[in-house]
Amino acid sequence: MKSLILPLYSHGNGTIIMIGIFSLVVIGLVVAVLLMMGNSKNKKD
């Protein structure tokens, strides 16, 4: 059971890289949604 729980909480060298990639993906999705919202508002006006 410890082998299943440990990787979720381990702070190894790769954890910082994975958090960085995940944050970039999330920021990219938020920017894409905001751009889509902005484009749809411009098309309606």
PDB file of N, CA and C in Angstrom:
ATOM      1  N   MET A   1       0.825  -1.211   0.000  1.00  0.00           N
ATOM      2  CA  MET A   1       0.000   0.000   0.000  1.00  0.00           C
ATOM      3  C   MET A   1       0.858   1.259   0.000  1.00  0.00           C
ATOM      4  N   LYS A   2       2.006   1.202   0.650  1.00  0.00           N
ATOM      5  CA  LYS A   2       2.861   2.396   0.696  1.00  0.00           C
ATOM      6  C   LYS A   2       3.347   2.778  -0.700  1.00  0.00           C
ATOM      7  N   SER A   3       3.559   1.792  -1.561  1.00  0.00           N
ATOM      8  CA  SER A   3       4.046   2.102  -2.904  1.00  0.00           C
ATOM      9  C   SER A   3       2.989   2.836  -3.726  1.00  0.00           C
ATOM     10  N   LEU A   4       1.722   2.687  -3.377  1.00  0.00           N
ATOM     11  CA  LEU A   4       0.656   3.385  -4.096  1.00  0.00           C
ATOM     12  C   LEU A   4       0.508   4.816  -3.601  1.00  0.00           C
ATOM     13  N   ILE A   5       0.751   5.040  -2.310  1.00  0.00           N
ATOM     14  CA  ILE A   5       0.544   6.372  -1.723  1.00  0.00           C
ATOM     15  C   ILE A   5       1.787   7.245  -1.883  1.00  0.00           C
ATOM     16  N   LEU A   6       2.962   6.663  -1.820  1.00  0.00           N
ATOM     17  CA  LEU A   6       4.209   7.415  -1.819  1.00  0.00           C
ATOM     18  C   LEU A   6       4.421   8.279  -3.068  1.00  0.00           C
ATOM     19  N   PRO A   7       4.169   7.784  -4.293  1.00  0.00           N
ATOM     20  CA  PRO A   7       4.431   8.637  -5.469  1.00  0.00           C
ATOM     21  C   PRO A   7       3.569   9.900  -5.519  1.00  0.00           C
ATOM     22  N   LEU A   8       2.414   9.882  -4.871  1.00  0.00           N
ATOM     23  CA  LEU A   8       1.557  11.059  -4.884  1.00  0.00           C
ATOM     24  C   LEU A   8       2.121  12.168  -3.998  1.00  0.00           C
ATOM     25  N   TYR A   9       2.978  11.803  -3.065  1.00  0.00           N
ATOM     26  CA  TYR A   9       3.483  12.778  -2.097  1.00  0.00           C
ATOM     27  C   TYR A   9       4.995  12.954  -2.179  1.00  0.00           C
ATOM     28  N   SER A  10       5.659  12.197  -3.055  1.00  0.00           N
ATOM     29  CA  SER A  10       7.121  12.290  -3.131  1.00  0.00           C
ATOM     30  C   SER A  10       7.537  13.595  -3.804  1.00  0.00           C
ATOM     31  N   HIS A  11       8.573  14.217  -3.253  1.00  0.00           N
ATOM     32  CA  HIS A  11       9.086  15.458  -3.828  1.00  0.00           C
ATOM     33  C   HIS A  11      10.459  15.188  -4.422  1.00  0.00           C
ATOM     34  N   GLY A  12      10.472  14.435  -5.486  1.00  0.00           N
ATOM     35  CA  GLY A  12      11.731  14.114  -6.149  1.00  0.00           C
ATOM     36  C   GLY A  12      12.127  15.207  -7.113  1.00  0.00           C
ATOM     37  N   ASN A  13      13.130  14.926  -7.946  1.00  0.00           N
ATOM     38  CA  ASN A  13      13.587  15.921  -8.916  1.00  0.00           C
ATOM     39  C   ASN A  13      12.564  16.147 -10.018  1.00  0.00           C
ATOM     40  N   GLY A  14      11.832  15.115 -10.393  1.00  0.00           N
ATOM     41  CA  GLY A  14      10.879  15.241 -11.474  1.00  0.00           C
ATOM     42  C   GLY A  14       9.583  15.919 -11.076  1.00  0.00           C
ATOM     43  N   THR A  15       9.324  16.020  -9.778  1.00  0.00           N
ATOM     44  CA  THR A  15       8.053  16.589  -9.328  1.00  0.00           C
ATOM     45  C   THR A  15       7.942  18.057  -9.706  1.00  0.00           C
ATOM     46  N   ILE A  16       9.019  18.803  -9.539  1.00  0.00           N
ATOM     47  CA  ILE A  16       8.991  20.239  -9.871  1.00  0.00           C
ATOM     48  C   ILE A  16       8.764  20.417 -11.366  1.00  0.00           C
ATOM     49  N   ILE A  17       9.385  19.570 -12.177  1.00  0.00           N
ATOM     50  CA  ILE A  17       9.218  19.668 -13.624  1.00  0.00           C
ATOM     51  C   ILE A  17       7.776  19.362 -14.005  1.00  0.00           C
ATOM     52  N   MET A  18       7.183  18.330 -13.408  1.00  0.00           N
ATOM     53  CA  MET A  18       5.813  17.960 -13.729  1.00  0.00           C
ATOM     54  C   MET A  18       4.839  19.044 -13.292  1.00  0.00           C
ATOM     55  N   ILE A  19       5.074  19.659 -12.124  1.00  0.00           N
ATOM     56  CA  ILE A  19       4.224  20.758 -11.671  1.00  0.00           C
ATOM     57  C   ILE A  19       4.348  21.934 -12.627  1.00  0.00           C
ATOM     58  N   GLY A  20       5.545  22.213 -13.111  1.00  0.00           N
ATOM     59  CA  GLY A  20       5.742  23.304 -14.064  1.00  0.00           C
ATOM     60  C   GLY A  20       5.018  23.052 -15.373  1.00  0.00           C
ATOM     61  N   ILE A  21       5.116  21.825 -15.895  1.00  0.00           N
ATOM     62  CA  ILE A  21       4.422  21.495 -17.143  1.00  0.00           C
ATOM     63  C   ILE A  21       2.920  21.572 -16.939  1.00  0.00           C
ATOM     64  N   PHE A  22       2.434  21.055 -15.812  1.00  0.00           N
ATOM     65  CA  PHE A  22       1.003  21.078 -15.535  1.00  0.00           C
ATOM     66  C   PHE A  22       0.493  22.505 -15.424  1.00  0.00           C
ATOM     67  N   SER A  23       1.268  23.368 -14.763  1.00  0.00           N
ATOM     68  CA  SER A  23       0.840  24.767 -14.625  1.00  0.00           C
ATOM     69  C   SER A  23       0.834  25.461 -15.990  1.00  0.00           C
ATOM     70  N   LEU A  24       1.795  25.160 -16.848  1.00  0.00           N
ATOM     71  CA  LEU A  24       1.808  25.754 -18.189  1.00  0.00           C
ATOM     72  C   LEU A  24       0.597  25.302 -18.999  1.00  0.00           C
ATOM     73  N   VAL A  25       0.224  24.034 -18.868  1.00  0.00           N
ATOM     74  CA  VAL A  25      -0.938  23.517 -19.591  1.00  0.00           C
ATOM     75  C   VAL A  25      -2.212  24.188 -19.094  1.00  0.00           C
ATOM     76  N   VAL A  26      -2.331  24.337 -17.778  1.00  0.00           N
ATOM     77  CA  VAL A  26      -3.531  24.969 -17.208  1.00  0.00           C
ATOM     78  C   VAL A  26      -3.614  26.428 -17.653  1.00  0.00           C
ATOM     79  N   ILE A  27      -2.490  27.145 -17.596  1.00  0.00           N
ATOM     80  CA  ILE A  27      -2.482  28.547 -18.021  1.00  0.00           C
ATOM     81  C   ILE A  27      -2.832  28.649 -19.508  1.00  0.00           C
ATOM     82  N   GLY A  28      -2.301  27.736 -20.314  1.00  0.00           N
ATOM     83  CA  GLY A  28      -2.611  27.726 -21.738  1.00  0.00           C
ATOM     84  C   GLY A  28      -4.088  27.496 -22.000  1.00  0.00           C
ATOM     85  N   LEU A  29      -4.715  26.592 -21.245  1.00  0.00           N
ATOM     86  CA  LEU A  29      -6.148  26.343 -21.418  1.00  0.00           C
ATOM     87  C   LEU A  29      -6.969  27.557 -21.013  1.00  0.00           C
ATOM     88  N   VAL A  30      -6.586  28.208 -19.915  1.00  0.00           N
ATOM     89  CA  VAL A  30      -7.316  29.400 -19.474  1.00  0.00           C
ATOM     90  C   VAL A  30      -7.205  30.502 -20.513  1.00  0.00           C
ATOM     91  N   VAL A  31      -6.007  30.708 -21.060  1.00  0.00           N
ATOM     92  CA  VAL A  31      -5.820  31.734 -22.090  1.00  0.00           C
ATOM     93  C   VAL A  31      -6.645  31.401 -23.330  1.00  0.00           C
ATOM     94  N   ALA A  32      -6.672  30.126 -23.713  1.00  0.00           N
ATOM     95  CA  ALA A  32      -7.450  29.724 -24.891  1.00  0.00           C
ATOM     96  C   ALA A  32      -8.935  29.993 -24.675  1.00  0.00           C
ATOM     97  N   VAL A  33      -9.440  29.694 -23.479  1.00  0.00           N
ATOM     98  CA  VAL A  33     -10.856  29.941 -23.192  1.00  0.00           C
ATOM     99  C   VAL A  33     -11.142  31.435 -23.208  1.00  0.00           C
ATOM    100  N   LEU A  34     -10.261  32.244 -22.632  1.00  0.00           N
ATOM    101  CA  LEU A  34     -10.471  33.692 -22.634  1.00  0.00           C
ATOM    102  C   LEU A  34     -10.445  34.248 -24.055  1.00  0.00           C
ATOM    103  N   LEU A  35      -9.549  33.730 -24.903  1.00  0.00           N
ATOM    104  CA  LEU A  35      -9.503  34.186 -26.292  1.00  0.00           C
ATOM    105  C   LEU A  35     -10.782  33.805 -27.032  1.00  0.00           C
ATOM    106  N   MET A  36     -11.291  32.600 -26.775  1.00  0.00           N
ATOM    107  CA  MET A  36     -12.535  32.190 -27.417  1.00  0.00           C
ATOM    108  C   MET A  36     -13.700  33.069 -26.968  1.00  0.00           C
ATOM    109  N   MET A  37     -13.735  33.400 -25.683  1.00  0.00           N
ATOM    110  CA  MET A  37     -14.801  34.269 -25.176  1.00  0.00           C
ATOM    111  C   MET A  37     -14.688  35.653 -25.799  1.00  0.00           C
ATOM    112  N   GLY A  38     -13.492  36.156 -25.930  1.00  0.00           N
ATOM    113  CA  GLY A  38     -13.292  37.461 -26.530  1.00  0.00           C
ATOM    114  C   GLY A  38     -13.679  37.481 -28.001  1.00  0.00           C
ATOM    115  N   ASN A  39     -13.350  36.405 -28.710  1.00  0.00           N
ATOM    116  CA  ASN A  39     -13.697  36.344 -30.126  1.00  0.00           C
ATOM    117  C   ASN A  39     -15.206  36.264 -30.337  1.00  0.00           C
ATOM    118  N   SER A  40     -15.881  35.523 -29.482  1.00  0.00           N
ATOM    119  CA  SER A  40     -17.334  35.375 -29.655  1.00  0.00           C
ATOM    120  C   SER A  40     -18.033  36.695 -29.353  1.00  0.00           C
ATOM    121  N   LYS A  41     -17.522  37.452 -28.385  1.00  0.00           N
ATOM    122  CA  LYS A  41     -18.121  38.752 -28.083  1.00  0.00           C
ATOM    123  C   LYS A  41     -17.907  39.735 -29.239  1.00  0.00           C
ATOM    124  N   ASN A  42     -16.733  39.684 -29.861  1.00  0.00           N
ATOM    125  CA  ASN A  42     -16.445  40.586 -30.981  1.00  0.00           C
ATOM    126  C   ASN A  42     -17.315  40.246 -32.190  1.00  0.00           C
ATOM    127  N   LYS A  43     -17.591  38.969 -32.416  1.00  0.00           N
ATOM    128  CA  LYS A  43     -18.395  38.583 -33.563  1.00  0.00           C
ATOM    129  C   LYS A  43     -19.849  39.010 -33.392  1.00  0.00           C
ATOM    130  N   LYS A  44     -20.347  39.010 -32.162  1.00  0.00           N
ATOM    131  CA  LYS A  44     -21.739  39.377 -31.916  1.00  0.00           C
ATOM    132  C   LYS A  44     -21.949  40.885 -32.109  1.00  0.00           C
ATOM    133  N   ASP A  45     -20.954  41.688 -31.772  1.00  0.00           N
ATOM    134  CA  ASP A  45     -21.128  43.157 -31.859  1.00  0.00           C
ATOM    135  C   ASP A  45     -20.977  43.673 -33.256  1.00  0.00           C
TER     136      ASP A  45
END
